[in-house]
Amino acid sequence: MEESFWRNVSKYFLHGILFSIIFLVLALVWVFVFALLVVVGLFIGLIIGFIVLFFILGGLNSFLTDIIWAASTKTAWTSLLGHGFALFITLIVAHIPATVINLVVPGLATTIVLFIVNAFIDGFVAKNVANWWQD
C-alpha cells in the first residue's frame, strides 16, 4: 500500500509539473492569438479567445491524463470545452491560498516553494477533473 501511495504522489507531481510547463508554452502562443482576436473582434473575439483557452486546457489535461494515468477521457469538442472550463475554474480556486501567501510573504524562495507545492496540487486537481470526463 505504501508503494502505491508514493507512486500516486509522484504521478500527481509529474502531472502537475508537466501541465505547468506545457501550458506555459501554449499560453504564450495563446496570448498572441487572444490579443489578435480581441483587436479584430472586440467582445466576440474575447469570447472566442476564452473558448480557445478552454480547448487548450481540456486537450492538454486529457493528453496528460492518458499518458500518465493510462485513463482515456472523452475528446468530443463539447467534452473538451467543458473539461477545460471546469479545470480553469477549479485551478483558480485551488491557487487562491498560494496567491495570498505570495502576497503576504513575497520573494523568490516563496515563489519556488509554492511552485513545487502547486505542482502536487495541480496534478491532483487536474487528474480529478479529468475523471469527470473519463471514458
N, C-alpha and C. Protein backbone atom coordinates (compact mmCIF):
# COMPACT_ATOMS: atom_id res chain seq x y z
N MET A 1 0.83 -1.20 0.00
CA MET A 1 0.00 0.00 0.00
C MET A 1 0.87 1.26 0.00
N GLU A 2 1.95 1.24 0.75
CA GLU A 2 2.81 2.41 0.82
C GLU A 2 3.45 2.71 -0.54
N GLU A 3 3.79 1.67 -1.28
CA GLU A 3 4.39 1.86 -2.60
C GLU A 3 3.41 2.54 -3.56
N SER A 4 2.14 2.13 -3.53
CA SER A 4 1.16 2.76 -4.42
C SER A 4 0.90 4.21 -4.02
N PHE A 5 0.98 4.50 -2.72
CA PHE A 5 0.80 5.87 -2.26
C PHE A 5 1.89 6.77 -2.86
N TRP A 6 3.16 6.34 -2.75
CA TRP A 6 4.25 7.16 -3.27
C TRP A 6 4.23 7.21 -4.79
N ARG A 7 3.77 6.13 -5.41
CA ARG A 7 3.64 6.14 -6.87
C ARG A 7 2.61 7.18 -7.30
N ASN A 8 1.47 7.22 -6.60
CA ASN A 8 0.43 8.21 -6.93
C ASN A 8 0.91 9.63 -6.67
N VAL A 9 1.61 9.83 -5.55
CA VAL A 9 2.13 11.17 -5.23
C VAL A 9 3.10 11.62 -6.32
N SER A 10 3.97 10.72 -6.76
CA SER A 10 4.92 11.09 -7.82
C SER A 10 4.20 11.35 -9.14
N LYS A 11 3.12 10.62 -9.41
CA LYS A 11 2.34 10.87 -10.63
C LYS A 11 1.62 12.21 -10.56
N TYR A 12 1.11 12.56 -9.38
CA TYR A 12 0.48 13.87 -9.22
C TYR A 12 1.49 14.98 -9.49
N PHE A 13 2.70 14.82 -8.93
CA PHE A 13 3.74 15.82 -9.15
C PHE A 13 4.10 15.90 -10.64
N LEU A 14 4.29 14.74 -11.27
CA LEU A 14 4.63 14.71 -12.70
C LEU A 14 3.52 15.35 -13.53
N HIS A 15 2.28 15.01 -13.24
CA HIS A 15 1.14 15.59 -13.96
C HIS A 15 1.14 17.11 -13.79
N GLY A 16 1.31 17.56 -12.56
CA GLY A 16 1.28 18.99 -12.28
C GLY A 16 2.43 19.75 -12.91
N ILE A 17 3.62 19.21 -12.84
CA ILE A 17 4.79 19.92 -13.38
C ILE A 17 4.74 19.94 -14.90
N LEU A 18 4.38 18.81 -15.52
CA LEU A 18 4.27 18.78 -16.98
C LEU A 18 3.15 19.70 -17.45
N PHE A 19 2.03 19.69 -16.73
CA PHE A 19 0.92 20.57 -17.09
C PHE A 19 1.38 22.03 -17.03
N SER A 20 2.09 22.40 -15.97
CA SER A 20 2.55 23.78 -15.81
C SER A 20 3.51 24.19 -16.92
N ILE A 21 4.46 23.33 -17.23
CA ILE A 21 5.47 23.67 -18.24
C ILE A 21 4.86 23.74 -19.63
N ILE A 22 4.09 22.71 -20.00
CA ILE A 22 3.50 22.70 -21.34
C ILE A 22 2.48 23.82 -21.49
N PHE A 23 1.69 24.07 -20.44
CA PHE A 23 0.70 25.13 -20.51
C PHE A 23 1.38 26.50 -20.63
N LEU A 24 2.52 26.67 -19.99
CA LEU A 24 3.25 27.94 -20.11
C LEU A 24 3.58 28.22 -21.56
N VAL A 25 4.08 27.22 -22.27
CA VAL A 25 4.42 27.39 -23.68
C VAL A 25 3.16 27.67 -24.50
N LEU A 26 2.11 26.88 -24.27
CA LEU A 26 0.87 27.08 -25.01
C LEU A 26 0.22 28.43 -24.68
N ALA A 27 0.35 28.86 -23.44
CA ALA A 27 -0.25 30.14 -23.03
C ALA A 27 0.44 31.31 -23.71
N LEU A 28 1.74 31.20 -23.92
CA LEU A 28 2.45 32.27 -24.63
C LEU A 28 1.93 32.42 -26.05
N VAL A 29 1.67 31.31 -26.71
CA VAL A 29 1.08 31.36 -28.05
C VAL A 29 -0.35 31.88 -27.96
N TRP A 30 -1.10 31.39 -26.97
CA TRP A 30 -2.49 31.79 -26.81
C TRP A 30 -2.63 33.30 -26.59
N VAL A 31 -1.71 33.90 -25.85
CA VAL A 31 -1.79 35.34 -25.57
C VAL A 31 -1.78 36.15 -26.86
N PHE A 32 -0.93 35.77 -27.79
CA PHE A 32 -0.88 36.49 -29.07
C PHE A 32 -2.15 36.28 -29.88
N VAL A 33 -2.64 35.06 -29.90
CA VAL A 33 -3.89 34.77 -30.61
C VAL A 33 -5.04 35.53 -29.94
N PHE A 34 -5.07 35.51 -28.61
CA PHE A 34 -6.11 36.19 -27.85
C PHE A 34 -6.10 37.69 -28.14
N ALA A 35 -4.92 38.30 -28.11
CA ALA A 35 -4.81 39.74 -28.38
C ALA A 35 -5.31 40.05 -29.79
N LEU A 36 -4.94 39.23 -30.76
CA LEU A 36 -5.39 39.44 -32.13
C LEU A 36 -6.91 39.32 -32.23
N LEU A 37 -7.46 38.31 -31.57
CA LEU A 37 -8.92 38.12 -31.60
C LEU A 37 -9.65 39.30 -30.97
N VAL A 38 -9.12 39.82 -29.87
CA VAL A 38 -9.77 40.95 -29.19
C VAL A 38 -9.67 42.21 -30.05
N VAL A 39 -8.52 42.44 -30.67
CA VAL A 39 -8.36 43.62 -31.52
C VAL A 39 -9.29 43.54 -32.72
N VAL A 40 -9.37 42.38 -33.33
CA VAL A 40 -10.20 42.22 -34.54
C VAL A 40 -11.68 42.12 -34.19
N GLY A 41 -11.99 41.33 -33.14
CA GLY A 41 -13.40 41.04 -32.89
C GLY A 41 -14.00 41.65 -31.65
N LEU A 42 -13.24 42.44 -30.91
CA LEU A 42 -13.70 43.06 -29.67
C LEU A 42 -14.32 42.04 -28.73
N PHE A 43 -15.59 42.22 -28.36
CA PHE A 43 -16.23 41.34 -27.38
C PHE A 43 -16.35 39.91 -27.89
N ILE A 44 -16.70 39.76 -29.17
CA ILE A 44 -16.79 38.41 -29.76
C ILE A 44 -15.41 37.76 -29.75
N GLY A 45 -14.37 38.51 -30.05
CA GLY A 45 -13.00 38.00 -30.01
C GLY A 45 -12.60 37.58 -28.61
N LEU A 46 -13.04 38.33 -27.61
CA LEU A 46 -12.78 37.99 -26.22
C LEU A 46 -13.40 36.64 -25.88
N ILE A 47 -14.64 36.45 -26.27
CA ILE A 47 -15.34 35.19 -26.00
C ILE A 47 -14.66 34.04 -26.74
N ILE A 48 -14.34 34.23 -28.01
CA ILE A 48 -13.67 33.18 -28.78
C ILE A 48 -12.30 32.86 -28.17
N GLY A 49 -11.59 33.88 -27.71
CA GLY A 49 -10.29 33.67 -27.07
C GLY A 49 -10.39 32.79 -25.83
N PHE A 50 -11.40 33.02 -25.01
CA PHE A 50 -11.57 32.18 -23.83
C PHE A 50 -12.00 30.77 -24.21
N ILE A 51 -12.81 30.63 -25.24
CA ILE A 51 -13.18 29.29 -25.71
C ILE A 51 -11.95 28.53 -26.17
N VAL A 52 -11.06 29.22 -26.89
CA VAL A 52 -9.80 28.58 -27.32
C VAL A 52 -8.98 28.17 -26.11
N LEU A 53 -8.93 29.01 -25.07
CA LEU A 53 -8.21 28.68 -23.85
C LEU A 53 -8.78 27.42 -23.20
N PHE A 54 -10.10 27.32 -23.14
CA PHE A 54 -10.72 26.14 -22.54
C PHE A 54 -10.40 24.88 -23.34
N PHE A 55 -10.38 24.98 -24.67
CA PHE A 55 -10.00 23.84 -25.50
C PHE A 55 -8.55 23.43 -25.22
N ILE A 56 -7.67 24.41 -25.08
CA ILE A 56 -6.26 24.11 -24.79
C ILE A 56 -6.14 23.40 -23.45
N LEU A 57 -6.80 23.92 -22.42
CA LEU A 57 -6.75 23.32 -21.09
C LEU A 57 -7.31 21.89 -21.10
N GLY A 58 -8.48 21.73 -21.70
CA GLY A 58 -9.11 20.41 -21.75
C GLY A 58 -8.29 19.41 -22.54
N GLY A 59 -7.79 19.84 -23.69
CA GLY A 59 -6.99 18.95 -24.52
C GLY A 59 -5.68 18.55 -23.86
N LEU A 60 -4.99 19.51 -23.27
CA LEU A 60 -3.73 19.23 -22.60
C LEU A 60 -3.95 18.28 -21.43
N ASN A 61 -4.97 18.53 -20.63
CA ASN A 61 -5.22 17.67 -19.48
C ASN A 61 -5.64 16.27 -19.92
N SER A 62 -6.43 16.16 -20.97
CA SER A 62 -6.80 14.84 -21.49
C SER A 62 -5.57 14.08 -21.95
N PHE A 63 -4.69 14.77 -22.66
CA PHE A 63 -3.45 14.17 -23.15
C PHE A 63 -2.59 13.67 -22.00
N LEU A 64 -2.36 14.52 -20.99
CA LEU A 64 -1.52 14.13 -19.86
C LEU A 64 -2.15 13.02 -19.03
N THR A 65 -3.46 13.05 -18.88
CA THR A 65 -4.15 12.00 -18.12
C THR A 65 -4.00 10.66 -18.82
N ASP A 66 -4.09 10.66 -20.14
CA ASP A 66 -3.91 9.43 -20.90
C ASP A 66 -2.48 8.92 -20.78
N ILE A 67 -1.50 9.81 -20.88
CA ILE A 67 -0.09 9.41 -20.84
C ILE A 67 0.32 8.95 -19.43
N ILE A 68 0.00 9.73 -18.42
CA ILE A 68 0.50 9.47 -17.06
C ILE A 68 -0.33 8.43 -16.32
N TRP A 69 -1.65 8.53 -16.42
CA TRP A 69 -2.53 7.67 -15.64
C TRP A 69 -3.13 6.53 -16.45
N ALA A 70 -2.88 6.49 -17.76
CA ALA A 70 -3.44 5.47 -18.66
C ALA A 70 -4.96 5.43 -18.55
N ALA A 71 -5.56 6.61 -18.45
CA ALA A 71 -7.01 6.73 -18.36
C ALA A 71 -7.47 7.64 -19.49
N SER A 72 -8.25 7.09 -20.39
CA SER A 72 -8.71 7.91 -21.51
C SER A 72 -9.93 8.73 -21.10
N THR A 73 -10.01 9.92 -21.68
CA THR A 73 -11.15 10.80 -21.41
C THR A 73 -11.87 11.08 -22.72
N LYS A 74 -13.08 11.57 -22.59
CA LYS A 74 -13.86 11.93 -23.78
C LYS A 74 -13.19 13.11 -24.47
N THR A 75 -13.12 13.04 -25.79
CA THR A 75 -12.45 14.11 -26.53
C THR A 75 -13.35 14.76 -27.56
N ALA A 76 -14.66 14.61 -27.42
CA ALA A 76 -15.57 15.36 -28.28
C ALA A 76 -15.37 16.85 -27.97
N TRP A 77 -15.68 17.70 -28.92
CA TRP A 77 -15.40 19.13 -28.71
C TRP A 77 -16.17 19.66 -27.51
N THR A 78 -17.38 19.15 -27.27
CA THR A 78 -18.16 19.62 -26.11
C THR A 78 -17.51 19.16 -24.80
N SER A 79 -16.97 17.94 -24.82
CA SER A 79 -16.29 17.43 -23.62
C SER A 79 -15.02 18.22 -23.33
N LEU A 80 -14.24 18.51 -24.36
CA LEU A 80 -13.02 19.29 -24.16
C LEU A 80 -13.33 20.70 -23.66
N LEU A 81 -14.38 21.28 -24.19
CA LEU A 81 -14.78 22.62 -23.76
C LEU A 81 -15.19 22.62 -22.29
N GLY A 82 -16.04 21.67 -21.91
CA GLY A 82 -16.47 21.57 -20.51
C GLY A 82 -15.32 21.20 -19.59
N HIS A 83 -14.49 20.30 -20.04
CA HIS A 83 -13.32 19.86 -19.27
C HIS A 83 -12.40 21.06 -19.01
N GLY A 84 -12.11 21.82 -20.04
CA GLY A 84 -11.24 22.99 -19.90
C GLY A 84 -11.84 24.05 -19.00
N PHE A 85 -13.14 24.29 -19.14
CA PHE A 85 -13.81 25.29 -18.30
C PHE A 85 -13.77 24.87 -16.83
N ALA A 86 -14.10 23.60 -16.56
CA ALA A 86 -14.09 23.10 -15.18
C ALA A 86 -12.68 23.16 -14.59
N LEU A 87 -11.69 22.80 -15.39
CA LEU A 87 -10.30 22.85 -14.92
C LEU A 87 -9.87 24.28 -14.65
N PHE A 88 -10.25 25.20 -15.51
CA PHE A 88 -9.93 26.62 -15.34
C PHE A 88 -10.46 27.14 -14.01
N ILE A 89 -11.73 26.91 -13.74
CA ILE A 89 -12.36 27.39 -12.51
C ILE A 89 -11.75 26.72 -11.29
N THR A 90 -11.56 25.41 -11.37
CA THR A 90 -11.02 24.66 -10.23
C THR A 90 -9.60 25.08 -9.90
N LEU A 91 -8.77 25.30 -10.93
CA LEU A 91 -7.40 25.73 -10.67
C LEU A 91 -7.34 27.15 -10.10
N ILE A 92 -8.24 28.01 -10.54
CA ILE A 92 -8.28 29.36 -9.96
C ILE A 92 -8.58 29.27 -8.46
N VAL A 93 -9.56 28.48 -8.09
CA VAL A 93 -9.92 28.32 -6.68
C VAL A 93 -8.76 27.68 -5.91
N ALA A 94 -8.12 26.67 -6.50
CA ALA A 94 -7.02 25.96 -5.82
C ALA A 94 -5.80 26.86 -5.61
N HIS A 95 -5.65 27.88 -6.44
CA HIS A 95 -4.47 28.74 -6.34
C HIS A 95 -4.70 29.97 -5.46
N ILE A 96 -5.88 30.15 -4.93
CA ILE A 96 -6.15 31.30 -4.06
C ILE A 96 -5.24 31.31 -2.83
N PRO A 97 -5.09 30.20 -2.09
CA PRO A 97 -4.19 30.25 -0.92
C PRO A 97 -2.74 30.59 -1.30
N ALA A 98 -2.24 30.03 -2.39
CA ALA A 98 -0.87 30.31 -2.82
C ALA A 98 -0.70 31.78 -3.19
N THR A 99 -1.71 32.34 -3.82
CA THR A 99 -1.66 33.76 -4.19
C THR A 99 -1.62 34.64 -2.94
N VAL A 100 -2.43 34.30 -1.96
CA VAL A 100 -2.44 35.07 -0.70
C VAL A 100 -1.09 34.94 0.00
N ILE A 101 -0.55 33.73 0.07
CA ILE A 101 0.77 33.53 0.70
C ILE A 101 1.84 34.34 -0.02
N ASN A 102 1.80 34.33 -1.35
CA ASN A 102 2.79 35.06 -2.13
C ASN A 102 2.66 36.57 -1.94
N LEU A 103 1.46 37.05 -1.68
CA LEU A 103 1.27 38.48 -1.40
C LEU A 103 1.75 38.85 0.00
N VAL A 104 1.54 37.95 0.96
CA VAL A 104 1.93 38.22 2.34
C VAL A 104 3.44 38.07 2.53
N VAL A 105 4.02 37.03 1.90
CA VAL A 105 5.45 36.76 2.04
C VAL A 105 6.07 36.71 0.64
N PRO A 106 6.25 37.88 0.02
CA PRO A 106 6.80 37.87 -1.34
C PRO A 106 8.30 37.54 -1.32
N GLY A 107 8.73 36.96 -2.42
CA GLY A 107 10.15 36.67 -2.53
C GLY A 107 10.39 35.45 -3.41
N LEU A 108 11.62 35.28 -3.81
CA LEU A 108 12.00 34.18 -4.69
C LEU A 108 11.81 32.83 -4.01
N ALA A 109 12.20 32.73 -2.74
CA ALA A 109 12.06 31.46 -2.01
C ALA A 109 10.60 31.05 -1.91
N THR A 110 9.74 32.00 -1.61
CA THR A 110 8.31 31.72 -1.54
C THR A 110 7.78 31.24 -2.88
N THR A 111 8.19 31.90 -3.94
CA THR A 111 7.74 31.53 -5.27
C THR A 111 8.18 30.11 -5.63
N ILE A 112 9.41 29.76 -5.31
CA ILE A 112 9.93 28.42 -5.61
C ILE A 112 9.18 27.35 -4.81
N VAL A 113 9.02 27.59 -3.52
CA VAL A 113 8.30 26.62 -2.67
C VAL A 113 6.87 26.46 -3.15
N LEU A 114 6.20 27.56 -3.46
CA LEU A 114 4.81 27.48 -3.92
C LEU A 114 4.71 26.79 -5.28
N PHE A 115 5.69 26.99 -6.14
CA PHE A 115 5.68 26.31 -7.44
C PHE A 115 5.73 24.79 -7.24
N ILE A 116 6.59 24.34 -6.34
CA ILE A 116 6.70 22.90 -6.08
C ILE A 116 5.43 22.37 -5.43
N VAL A 117 4.92 23.06 -4.43
CA VAL A 117 3.68 22.64 -3.77
C VAL A 117 2.52 22.65 -4.76
N ASN A 118 2.45 23.69 -5.59
CA ASN A 118 1.37 23.78 -6.57
C ASN A 118 1.45 22.70 -7.63
N ALA A 119 2.64 22.17 -7.89
CA ALA A 119 2.75 21.06 -8.84
C ALA A 119 1.95 19.86 -8.35
N PHE A 120 2.05 19.55 -7.06
CA PHE A 120 1.25 18.46 -6.50
C PHE A 120 -0.24 18.78 -6.55
N ILE A 121 -0.58 20.00 -6.15
CA ILE A 121 -1.98 20.42 -6.14
C ILE A 121 -2.56 20.42 -7.55
N ASP A 122 -1.82 20.96 -8.51
CA ASP A 122 -2.29 21.00 -9.90
C ASP A 122 -2.49 19.59 -10.45
N GLY A 123 -1.56 18.70 -10.15
CA GLY A 123 -1.68 17.32 -10.62
C GLY A 123 -2.90 16.63 -10.03
N PHE A 124 -3.12 16.85 -8.73
CA PHE A 124 -4.29 16.25 -8.06
C PHE A 124 -5.58 16.80 -8.64
N VAL A 125 -5.65 18.11 -8.78
CA VAL A 125 -6.86 18.75 -9.31
C VAL A 125 -7.10 18.32 -10.76
N ALA A 126 -6.05 18.36 -11.57
CA ALA A 126 -6.19 18.02 -12.99
C ALA A 126 -6.63 16.58 -13.18
N LYS A 127 -6.07 15.67 -12.40
CA LYS A 127 -6.46 14.27 -12.52
C LYS A 127 -7.91 14.07 -12.11
N ASN A 128 -8.32 14.71 -11.03
CA ASN A 128 -9.70 14.54 -10.55
C ASN A 128 -10.71 15.19 -11.49
N VAL A 129 -10.36 16.32 -12.09
CA VAL A 129 -11.25 16.93 -13.08
C VAL A 129 -11.35 16.03 -14.30
N ALA A 130 -10.23 15.44 -14.70
CA ALA A 130 -10.24 14.51 -15.85
C ALA A 130 -11.12 13.30 -15.59
N ASN A 131 -11.21 12.88 -14.33
CA ASN A 131 -12.06 11.73 -14.00
C ASN A 131 -13.53 12.00 -14.33
N TRP A 132 -13.93 13.26 -14.31
CA TRP A 132 -15.32 13.59 -14.63
C TRP A 132 -15.64 13.30 -16.10
N TRP A 133 -14.61 13.31 -16.95
CA TRP A 133 -14.79 13.08 -18.39
C TRP A 133 -14.16 11.77 -18.84
N GLN A 134 -13.99 10.84 -17.90
CA GLN A 134 -13.35 9.57 -18.23
C GLN A 134 -14.29 8.72 -19.08
N ASP A 135 -13.69 8.02 -20.07
CA ASP A 135 -14.47 7.10 -20.92
C ASP A 135 -14.90 5.89 -20.15
